[in-house]
């Protein structure tokens, strides 16, 4: 494992190396650079828990879709679920 990481650090990986932030790490970087009123969300965290066939039915009904998306926004913005949206982490703030 250490050998693989060392090879990645030297740029010898056969694929591009990307870096993902943990929520608290990203928030710390933003604060360090003067960003205020930071809010984070893990878009998709709640939607990933719903089977696709049910999600399609919800999205096809305007009233259910509006209620579901409102719930998703509240759930996905909870600091305890940031990062659960698989690979998604959204941050916003003021500078």
PDB file of N, CA and C in Angstrom:
ATOM      1  N   UNK A   1       0.817  -1.185   0.000  1.00  0.00           N
ATOM      2  CA  UNK A   1       0.000   0.000   0.000  1.00  0.00           C
ATOM      3  C   UNK A   1       0.867   1.258   0.000  1.00  0.00           C
ATOM      4  N   UNK A   2       1.880   1.302   0.836  1.00  0.00           N
ATOM      5  CA  UNK A   2       2.773   2.467   0.896  1.00  0.00           C
ATOM      6  C   UNK A   2       3.504   2.645  -0.437  1.00  0.00           C
ATOM      7  N   UNK A   3       3.873   1.515  -1.061  1.00  0.00           N
ATOM      8  CA  UNK A   3       4.563   1.593  -2.351  1.00  0.00           C
ATOM      9  C   UNK A   3       3.655   2.211  -3.412  1.00  0.00           C
ATOM     10  N   UNK A   4       2.376   1.828  -3.401  1.00  0.00           N
ATOM     11  CA  UNK A   4       1.414   2.385  -4.354  1.00  0.00           C
ATOM     12  C   UNK A   4       1.245   3.877  -4.130  1.00  0.00           C
ATOM     13  N   UNK A   5       1.125   4.297  -2.873  1.00  0.00           N
ATOM     14  CA  UNK A   5       0.974   5.721  -2.573  1.00  0.00           C
ATOM     15  C   UNK A   5       2.207   6.493  -3.014  1.00  0.00           C
ATOM     16  N   UNK A   6       3.375   5.938  -2.767  1.00  0.00           N
ATOM     17  CA  UNK A   6       4.613   6.613  -3.176  1.00  0.00           C
ATOM     18  C   UNK A   6       4.647   6.766  -4.698  1.00  0.00           C
ATOM     19  N   UNK A   7       4.225   5.740  -5.426  1.00  0.00           N
ATOM     20  CA  UNK A   7       4.195   5.807  -6.891  1.00  0.00           C
ATOM     21  C   UNK A   7       3.189   6.874  -7.338  1.00  0.00           C
ATOM     22  N   UNK A   8       2.033   6.935  -6.680  1.00  0.00           N
ATOM     23  CA  UNK A   8       1.030   7.963  -7.004  1.00  0.00           C
ATOM     24  C   UNK A   8       1.610   9.353  -6.771  1.00  0.00           C
ATOM     25  N   UNK A   9       2.298   9.535  -5.650  1.00  0.00           N
ATOM     26  CA  UNK A   9       2.885  10.834  -5.322  1.00  0.00           C
ATOM     27  C   UNK A   9       3.931  11.270  -6.351  1.00  0.00           C
ATOM     28  N   UNK A  10       4.595  10.289  -6.975  1.00  0.00           N
ATOM     29  CA  UNK A  10       5.588  10.601  -8.013  1.00  0.00           C
ATOM     30  C   UNK A  10       4.939  10.789  -9.385  1.00  0.00           C
ATOM     31  N   UNK A  11       3.610  10.632  -9.469  1.00  0.00           N
ATOM     32  CA  UNK A  11       2.917  10.788 -10.740  1.00  0.00           C
ATOM     33  C   UNK A  11       2.986   9.563 -11.624  1.00  0.00           C
ATOM     34  N   UNK A  12       3.249   8.400 -11.035  1.00  0.00           N
ATOM     35  CA  UNK A  12       3.398   7.169 -11.816  1.00  0.00           C
ATOM     36  C   UNK A  12       2.122   6.344 -11.898  1.00  0.00           C
ATOM     37  N   UNK A  13       1.025   6.885 -11.430  1.00  0.00           N
ATOM     38  CA  UNK A  13      -0.242   6.150 -11.460  1.00  0.00           C
ATOM     39  C   UNK A  13      -0.755   6.096 -12.902  1.00  0.00           C
ATOM     40  N   UNK A  14      -1.326   4.958 -13.325  1.00  0.00           N
ATOM     41  CA  UNK A  14      -1.860   4.872 -14.690  1.00  0.00           C
ATOM     42  C   UNK A  14      -3.179   5.633 -14.867  1.00  0.00           C
ATOM     43  N   UNK A  15      -3.747   6.153 -13.795  1.00  0.00           N
ATOM     44  CA  UNK A  15      -4.977   6.925 -13.854  1.00  0.00           C
ATOM     45  C   UNK A  15      -4.745   8.245 -13.121  1.00  0.00           C
ATOM     46  N   UNK A  16      -5.604   9.194 -13.400  1.00  0.00           N
ATOM     47  CA  UNK A  16      -5.420  10.482 -12.718  1.00  0.00           C
ATOM     48  C   UNK A  16      -5.748  10.325 -11.242  1.00  0.00           C
ATOM     49  N   UNK A  17      -4.981  10.991 -10.423  1.00  0.00           N
ATOM     50  CA  UNK A  17      -5.191  10.950  -8.986  1.00  0.00           C
ATOM     51  C   UNK A  17      -6.032  12.162  -8.614  1.00  0.00           C
ATOM     52  N   UNK A  18      -7.149  11.907  -7.979  1.00  0.00           N
ATOM     53  CA  UNK A  18      -7.991  13.011  -7.536  1.00  0.00           C
ATOM     54  C   UNK A  18      -8.027  12.997  -6.014  1.00  0.00           C
ATOM     55  N   UNK A  19      -8.363  14.127  -5.463  1.00  0.00           N
ATOM     56  CA  UNK A  19      -8.404  14.247  -4.014  1.00  0.00           C
ATOM     57  C   UNK A  19      -9.775  14.704  -3.586  1.00  0.00           C
ATOM     58  N   UNK A  20     -10.319  14.035  -2.611  1.00  0.00           N
ATOM     59  CA  UNK A  20     -11.618  14.417  -2.085  1.00  0.00           C
ATOM     60  C   UNK A  20     -11.432  14.872  -0.643  1.00  0.00           C
ATOM     61  N   UNK A  21     -12.178  15.893  -0.266  1.00  0.00           N
ATOM     62  CA  UNK A  21     -12.089  16.447   1.073  1.00  0.00           C
ATOM     63  C   UNK A  21     -13.120  15.818   1.996  1.00  0.00           C
ATOM     64  N   UNK A  22     -12.747  15.647   3.233  1.00  0.00           N
ATOM     65  CA  UNK A  22     -13.713  15.331   4.268  1.00  0.00           C
ATOM     66  C   UNK A  22     -14.410  16.650   4.594  1.00  0.00           C
ATOM     67  N   UNK A  23     -15.685  16.618   5.032  1.00  0.00           N
ATOM     68  CA  UNK A  23     -16.412  17.864   5.297  1.00  0.00           C
ATOM     69  C   UNK A  23     -15.680  18.823   6.237  1.00  0.00           C
ATOM     70  N   UNK A  24     -15.159  18.323   7.340  1.00  0.00           N
ATOM     71  CA  UNK A  24     -14.484  19.226   8.288  1.00  0.00           C
ATOM     72  C   UNK A  24     -13.185  19.790   7.703  1.00  0.00           C
ATOM     73  N   UNK A  25     -12.525  19.021   6.861  1.00  0.00           N
ATOM     74  CA  UNK A  25     -11.299  19.488   6.216  1.00  0.00           C
ATOM     75  C   UNK A  25     -11.607  20.624   5.240  1.00  0.00           C
ATOM     76  N   UNK A  26     -12.634  20.461   4.408  1.00  0.00           N
ATOM     77  CA  UNK A  26     -13.010  21.501   3.459  1.00  0.00           C
ATOM     78  C   UNK A  26     -13.462  22.764   4.186  1.00  0.00           C
ATOM     79  N   UNK A  27     -14.239  22.596   5.235  1.00  0.00           N
ATOM     80  CA  UNK A  27     -14.693  23.752   6.007  1.00  0.00           C
ATOM     81  C   UNK A  27     -13.500  24.509   6.606  1.00  0.00           C
ATOM     82  N   UNK A  28     -12.514  23.785   7.111  1.00  0.00           N
ATOM     83  CA  UNK A  28     -11.316  24.418   7.675  1.00  0.00           C
ATOM     84  C   UNK A  28     -10.538  25.201   6.636  1.00  0.00           C
ATOM     85  N   UNK A  29     -10.415  24.646   5.436  1.00  0.00           N
ATOM     86  CA  UNK A  29      -9.704  25.343   4.357  1.00  0.00           C
ATOM     87  C   UNK A  29     -10.444  26.622   3.980  1.00  0.00           C
ATOM     88  N   UNK A  30     -11.761  26.528   3.862  1.00  0.00           N
ATOM     89  CA  UNK A  30     -12.547  27.714   3.506  1.00  0.00           C
ATOM     90  C   UNK A  30     -12.424  28.799   4.570  1.00  0.00           C
ATOM     91  N   UNK A  31     -12.516  28.412   5.849  1.00  0.00           N
ATOM     92  CA  UNK A  31     -12.371  29.391   6.943  1.00  0.00           C
ATOM     93  C   UNK A  31     -10.997  30.049   6.906  1.00  0.00           C
ATOM     94  N   UNK A  32      -9.973  29.251   6.652  1.00  0.00           N
ATOM     95  CA  UNK A  32      -8.599  29.757   6.600  1.00  0.00           C
ATOM     96  C   UNK A  32      -8.451  30.834   5.517  1.00  0.00           C
ATOM     97  N   UNK A  33      -9.252  30.753   4.488  1.00  0.00           N
ATOM     98  CA  UNK A  33      -9.182  31.709   3.384  1.00  0.00           C
ATOM     99  C   UNK A  33     -10.271  32.784   3.463  1.00  0.00           C
ATOM    100  N   UNK A  34     -10.833  32.948   4.646  1.00  0.00           N
ATOM    101  CA  UNK A  34     -11.736  34.065   4.891  1.00  0.00           C
ATOM    102  C   UNK A  34     -13.195  33.858   4.494  1.00  0.00           C
ATOM    103  N   UNK A  35     -13.589  32.642   4.212  1.00  0.00           N
ATOM    104  CA  UNK A  35     -14.989  32.396   3.861  1.00  0.00           C
ATOM    105  C   UNK A  35     -15.804  32.308   5.149  1.00  0.00           C
ATOM    106  N   UNK A  36     -16.956  33.005   5.156  1.00  0.00           N
ATOM    107  CA  UNK A  36     -17.841  33.033   6.326  1.00  0.00           C
ATOM    108  C   UNK A  36     -19.162  32.370   5.972  1.00  0.00           C
ATOM    109  N   UNK A  37     -19.956  32.128   6.982  1.00  0.00           N
ATOM    110  CA  UNK A  37     -21.295  31.547   6.831  1.00  0.00           C
ATOM    111  C   UNK A  37     -21.259  30.328   5.907  1.00  0.00           C
ATOM    112  N   UNK A  38     -20.390  29.406   6.239  1.00  0.00           N
ATOM    113  CA  UNK A  38     -20.195  28.200   5.431  1.00  0.00           C
ATOM    114  C   UNK A  38     -21.289  27.192   5.738  1.00  0.00           C
ATOM    115  N   UNK A  39     -21.860  26.648   4.687  1.00  0.00           N
ATOM    116  CA  UNK A  39     -22.781  25.530   4.858  1.00  0.00           C
ATOM    117  C   UNK A  39     -22.375  24.443   3.872  1.00  0.00           C
ATOM    118  N   UNK A  40     -22.465  23.221   4.332  1.00  0.00           N
ATOM    119  CA  UNK A  40     -22.074  22.063   3.536  1.00  0.00           C
ATOM    120  C   UNK A  40     -23.284  21.167   3.321  1.00  0.00           C
ATOM    121  N   UNK A  41     -23.262  20.426   2.249  1.00  0.00           N
ATOM    122  CA  UNK A  41     -24.314  19.445   1.985  1.00  0.00           C
ATOM    123  C   UNK A  41     -23.696  18.261   1.250  1.00  0.00           C
ATOM    124  N   UNK A  42     -24.298  17.125   1.432  1.00  0.00           N
ATOM    125  CA  UNK A  42     -23.906  15.908   0.720  1.00  0.00           C
ATOM    126  C   UNK A  42     -25.010  15.519  -0.238  1.00  0.00           C
ATOM    127  N   UNK A  43     -25.145  16.235  -1.371  1.00  0.00           N
ATOM    128  CA  UNK A  43     -26.250  15.959  -2.292  1.00  0.00           C
ATOM    129  C   UNK A  43     -26.319  14.485  -2.678  1.00  0.00           C
ATOM    130  N   UNK A  44     -27.511  13.950  -2.611  1.00  0.00           N
ATOM    131  CA  UNK A  44     -27.721  12.556  -2.983  1.00  0.00           C
ATOM    132  C   UNK A  44     -27.704  11.590  -1.817  1.00  0.00           C
ATOM    133  N   UNK A  45     -27.362  12.063  -0.625  1.00  0.00           N
ATOM    134  CA  UNK A  45     -27.273  11.159   0.525  1.00  0.00           C
ATOM    135  C   UNK A  45     -28.602  10.463   0.789  1.00  0.00           C
ATOM    136  N   UNK A  46     -29.693  11.211   0.815  1.00  0.00           N
ATOM    137  CA  UNK A  46     -30.992  10.588   1.084  1.00  0.00           C
ATOM    138  C   UNK A  46     -31.529   9.859  -0.137  1.00  0.00           C
ATOM    139  N   UNK A  47     -31.361  10.433  -1.323  1.00  0.00           N
ATOM    140  CA  UNK A  47     -31.898   9.811  -2.540  1.00  0.00           C
ATOM    141  C   UNK A  47     -31.266   8.448  -2.804  1.00  0.00           C
ATOM    142  N   UNK A  48     -30.010   8.257  -2.382  1.00  0.00           N
ATOM    143  CA  UNK A  48     -29.338   6.972  -2.603  1.00  0.00           C
ATOM    144  C   UNK A  48     -29.946   5.859  -1.768  1.00  0.00           C
ATOM    145  N   UNK A  49     -30.764   6.201  -0.788  1.00  0.00           N
ATOM    146  CA  UNK A  49     -31.374   5.173   0.061  1.00  0.00           C
ATOM    147  C   UNK A  49     -32.703   4.671  -0.500  1.00  0.00           C
ATOM    148  N   UNK A  50     -33.190   5.294  -1.573  1.00  0.00           N
ATOM    149  CA  UNK A  50     -34.499   4.958  -2.140  1.00  0.00           C
ATOM    150  C   UNK A  50     -34.293   4.104  -3.396  1.00  0.00           C
ATOM    151  N   UNK A  51     -34.962   2.950  -3.478  1.00  0.00           N
ATOM    152  CA  UNK A  51     -34.841   2.126  -4.680  1.00  0.00           C
ATOM    153  C   UNK A  51     -35.238   2.914  -5.934  1.00  0.00           C
ATOM    154  N   UNK A  52     -34.549   2.669  -7.031  1.00  0.00           N
ATOM    155  CA  UNK A  52     -34.740   3.429  -8.266  1.00  0.00           C
ATOM    156  C   UNK A  52     -36.191   3.457  -8.733  1.00  0.00           C
ATOM    157  N   UNK A  53     -36.883   2.331  -8.705  1.00  0.00           N
ATOM    158  CA  UNK A  53     -38.265   2.305  -9.199  1.00  0.00           C
ATOM    159  C   UNK A  53     -39.188   3.200  -8.363  1.00  0.00           C
ATOM    160  N   UNK A  54     -38.934   3.303  -7.070  1.00  0.00           N
ATOM    161  CA  UNK A  54     -39.723   4.189  -6.210  1.00  0.00           C
ATOM    162  C   UNK A  54     -39.332   5.641  -6.471  1.00  0.00           C
ATOM    163  N   UNK A  55     -38.053   5.887  -6.636  1.00  0.00           N
ATOM    164  CA  UNK A  55     -37.570   7.234  -6.920  1.00  0.00           C
ATOM    165  C   UNK A  55     -38.172   7.771  -8.222  1.00  0.00           C
ATOM    166  N   UNK A  56     -38.274   6.928  -9.231  1.00  0.00           N
ATOM    167  CA  UNK A  56     -38.878   7.333 -10.508  1.00  0.00           C
ATOM    168  C   UNK A  56     -40.339   7.721 -10.300  1.00  0.00           C
ATOM    169  N   UNK A  57     -41.082   6.938  -9.517  1.00  0.00           N
ATOM    170  CA  UNK A  57     -42.498   7.260  -9.244  1.00  0.00           C
ATOM    171  C   UNK A  57     -42.615   8.597  -8.518  1.00  0.00           C
ATOM    172  N   UNK A  58     -41.749   8.831  -7.545  1.00  0.00           N
ATOM    173  CA  UNK A  58     -41.769  10.091  -6.792  1.00  0.00           C
ATOM    174  C   UNK A  58     -41.480  11.264  -7.734  1.00  0.00           C
ATOM    175  N   UNK A  59     -40.469  11.112  -8.566  1.00  0.00           N
ATOM    176  CA  UNK A  59     -40.078  12.207  -9.464  1.00  0.00           C
ATOM    177  C   UNK A  59     -41.135  12.485 -10.542  1.00  0.00           C
ATOM    178  N   UNK A  60     -41.965  11.523 -10.862  1.00  0.00           N
ATOM    179  CA  UNK A  60     -43.005  11.712 -11.872  1.00  0.00           C
ATOM    180  C   UNK A  60     -44.276  12.355 -11.317  1.00  0.00           C
ATOM    181  N   UNK A  61     -44.374  12.503 -10.008  1.00  0.00           N
ATOM    182  CA  UNK A  61     -45.536  13.138  -9.383  1.00  0.00           C
ATOM    183  C   UNK A  61     -45.088  14.491  -8.834  1.00  0.00           C
ATOM    184  N   UNK A  62     -45.580  15.599  -9.395  1.00  0.00           N
ATOM    185  CA  UNK A  62     -45.093  16.936  -8.990  1.00  0.00           C
ATOM    186  C   UNK A  62     -45.184  17.213  -7.489  1.00  0.00           C
ATOM    187  N   UNK A  63     -46.270  16.819  -6.845  1.00  0.00           N
ATOM    188  CA  UNK A  63     -46.421  17.090  -5.407  1.00  0.00           C
ATOM    189  C   UNK A  63     -45.433  16.254  -4.592  1.00  0.00           C
ATOM    190  N   UNK A  64     -45.344  14.956  -4.910  1.00  0.00           N
ATOM    191  CA  UNK A  64     -44.394  14.098  -4.201  1.00  0.00           C
ATOM    192  C   UNK A  64     -42.955  14.548  -4.452  1.00  0.00           C
ATOM    193  N   UNK A  65     -42.671  14.954  -5.686  1.00  0.00           N
ATOM    194  CA  UNK A  65     -41.324  15.414  -6.034  1.00  0.00           C
ATOM    195  C   UNK A  65     -40.951  16.635  -5.191  1.00  0.00           C
ATOM    196  N   UNK A  66     -41.858  17.608  -5.099  1.00  0.00           N
ATOM    197  CA  UNK A  66     -41.573  18.826  -4.324  1.00  0.00           C
ATOM    198  C   UNK A  66     -41.322  18.483  -2.854  1.00  0.00           C
ATOM    199  N   UNK A  67     -42.169  17.628  -2.281  1.00  0.00           N
ATOM    200  CA  UNK A  67     -41.988  17.234  -0.877  1.00  0.00           C
ATOM    201  C   UNK A  67     -40.676  16.478  -0.680  1.00  0.00           C
ATOM    202  N   UNK A  68     -40.388  15.562  -1.599  1.00  0.00           N
ATOM    203  CA  UNK A  68     -39.182  14.744  -1.490  1.00  0.00           C
ATOM    204  C   UNK A  68     -37.922  15.602  -1.612  1.00  0.00           C
ATOM    205  N   UNK A  69     -37.910  16.526  -2.575  1.00  0.00           N
ATOM    206  CA  UNK A  69     -36.737  17.372  -2.755  1.00  0.00           C
ATOM    207  C   UNK A  69     -36.529  18.312  -1.571  1.00  0.00           C
ATOM    208  N   UNK A  70     -37.625  18.790  -0.975  1.00  0.00           N
ATOM    209  CA  UNK A  70     -37.513  19.621   0.233  1.00  0.00           C
ATOM    210  C   UNK A  70     -36.907  18.806   1.378  1.00  0.00           C
ATOM    211  N   UNK A  71     -37.380  17.553   1.521  1.00  0.00           N
ATOM    212  CA  UNK A  71     -36.819  16.674   2.552  1.00  0.00           C
ATOM    213  C   UNK A  71     -35.337  16.405   2.273  1.00  0.00           C
ATOM    214  N   UNK A  72     -35.010  16.104   1.015  1.00  0.00           N
ATOM    215  CA  UNK A  72     -33.616  15.819   0.651  1.00  0.00           C
ATOM    216  C   UNK A  72     -32.706  16.989   1.003  1.00  0.00           C
ATOM    217  N   UNK A  73     -33.163  18.195   0.706  1.00  0.00           N
ATOM    218  CA  UNK A  73     -32.349  19.375   1.003  1.00  0.00           C
ATOM    219  C   UNK A  73     -32.047  19.462   2.503  1.00  0.00           C
ATOM    220  N   UNK A  74     -33.074  19.254   3.326  1.00  0.00           N
ATOM    221  CA  UNK A  74     -32.864  19.305   4.785  1.00  0.00           C
ATOM    222  C   UNK A  74     -31.942  18.177   5.236  1.00  0.00           C
ATOM    223  N   UNK A  75     -32.200  16.957   4.769  1.00  0.00           N
ATOM    224  CA  UNK A  75     -31.413  15.786   5.179  1.00  0.00           C
ATOM    225  C   UNK A  75     -29.960  15.911   4.711  1.00  0.00           C
ATOM    226  N   UNK A  76     -29.776  16.245   3.440  1.00  0.00           N
ATOM    227  CA  UNK A  76     -28.438  16.285   2.857  1.00  0.00           C
ATOM    228  C   UNK A  76     -27.594  17.428   3.414  1.00  0.00           C
ATOM    229  N   UNK A  77     -28.236  18.441   4.021  1.00  0.00           N
ATOM    230  CA  UNK A  77     -27.515  19.569   4.605  1.00  0.00           C
ATOM    231  C   UNK A  77     -27.109  19.322   6.050  1.00  0.00           C
ATOM    232  N   UNK A  78     -27.540  18.224   6.622  1.00  0.00           N
ATOM    233  CA  UNK A  78     -27.169  17.883   7.990  1.00  0.00           C
ATOM    234  C   UNK A  78     -25.675  17.551   8.030  1.00  0.00           C
ATOM    235  N   UNK A  79     -24.911  18.174   8.922  1.00  0.00           N
ATOM    236  CA  UNK A  79     -23.462  17.917   8.958  1.00  0.00           C
ATOM    237  C   UNK A  79     -23.099  16.451   9.160  1.00  0.00           C
ATOM    238  N   UNK A  80     -23.991  15.684   9.772  1.00  0.00           N
ATOM    239  CA  UNK A  80     -23.687  14.288  10.044  1.00  0.00           C
ATOM    240  C   UNK A  80     -23.815  13.393   8.818  1.00  0.00           C
ATOM    241  N   UNK A  81     -24.423  13.882   7.745  1.00  0.00           N
ATOM    242  CA  UNK A  81     -24.548  13.054   6.540  1.00  0.00           C
ATOM    243  C   UNK A  81     -23.713  13.576   5.379  1.00  0.00           C
ATOM    244  N   UNK A  82     -23.029  14.700   5.558  1.00  0.00           N
ATOM    245  CA  UNK A  82     -22.161  15.205   4.493  1.00  0.00           C
ATOM    246  C   UNK A  82     -21.136  14.131   4.146  1.00  0.00           C
ATOM    247  N   UNK A  83     -21.000  13.879   2.876  1.00  0.00           N
ATOM    248  CA  UNK A  83     -20.092  12.839   2.428  1.00  0.00           C
ATOM    249  C   UNK A  83     -20.787  11.526   2.139  1.00  0.00           C
ATOM    250  N   UNK A  84     -22.040  11.378   2.600  1.00  0.00           N
ATOM    251  CA  UNK A  84     -22.770  10.135   2.345  1.00  0.00           C
ATOM    252  C   UNK A  84     -23.400  10.122   0.956  1.00  0.00           C
ATOM    253  N   UNK A  85     -23.316  11.229   0.251  1.00  0.00           N
ATOM    254  CA  UNK A  85     -23.872  11.291  -1.096  1.00  0.00           C
ATOM    255  C   UNK A  85     -22.927  10.651  -2.098  1.00  0.00           C
ATOM    256  N   UNK A  86     -22.220   9.638  -1.668  1.00  0.00           N
ATOM    257  CA  UNK A  86     -21.198   8.925  -2.410  1.00  0.00           C
ATOM    258  C   UNK A  86     -19.979   9.807  -2.587  1.00  0.00           C
ATOM    259  N   UNK A  87     -19.857  10.491  -3.694  1.00  0.00           N
ATOM    260  CA  UNK A  87     -18.662  11.297  -3.940  1.00  0.00           C
ATOM    261  C   UNK A  87     -18.959  12.783  -3.947  1.00  0.00           C
ATOM    262  N   UNK A  88     -20.080  13.159  -3.402  1.00  0.00           N
ATOM    263  CA  UNK A  88     -20.510  14.558  -3.513  1.00  0.00           C
ATOM    264  C   UNK A  88     -20.354  15.294  -2.189  1.00  0.00           C
ATOM    265  N   UNK A  89     -19.810  16.484  -2.287  1.00  0.00           N
ATOM    266  CA  UNK A  89     -19.762  17.389  -1.147  1.00  0.00           C
ATOM    267  C   UNK A  89     -19.873  18.787  -1.720  1.00  0.00           C
ATOM    268  N   UNK A  90     -20.895  19.494  -1.313  1.00  0.00           N
ATOM    269  CA  UNK A  90     -21.155  20.843  -1.802  1.00  0.00           C
ATOM    270  C   UNK A  90     -20.928  21.822  -0.660  1.00  0.00           C
ATOM    271  N   UNK A  91     -20.234  22.897  -0.951  1.00  0.00           N
ATOM    272  CA  UNK A  91     -19.997  23.933   0.060  1.00  0.00           C
ATOM    273  C   UNK A  91     -20.382  25.283  -0.505  1.00  0.00           C
ATOM    274  N   UNK A  92     -20.957  26.139   0.366  1.00  0.00           N
ATOM    275  CA  UNK A  92     -21.211  27.508  -0.043  1.00  0.00           C
ATOM    276  C   UNK A  92     -20.891  28.412   1.142  1.00  0.00           C
ATOM    277  N   UNK A  93     -20.566  29.647   0.832  1.00  0.00           N
ATOM    278  CA  UNK A  93     -20.238  30.602   1.874  1.00  0.00           C
ATOM    279  C   UNK A  93     -20.102  31.991   1.285  1.00  0.00           C
ATOM    280  N   UNK A  94     -19.748  32.928   2.140  1.00  0.00           N
ATOM    281  CA  UNK A  94     -19.579  34.325   1.722  1.00  0.00           C
ATOM    282  C   UNK A  94     -18.151  34.734   1.952  1.00  0.00           C
ATOM    283  N   UNK A  95     -17.689  35.547   1.072  1.00  0.00           N
ATOM    284  CA  UNK A  95     -16.320  36.039   1.206  1.00  0.00           C
ATOM    285  C   UNK A  95     -16.293  37.521   1.413  1.00  0.00           C
TER     286      UNK A  95
END
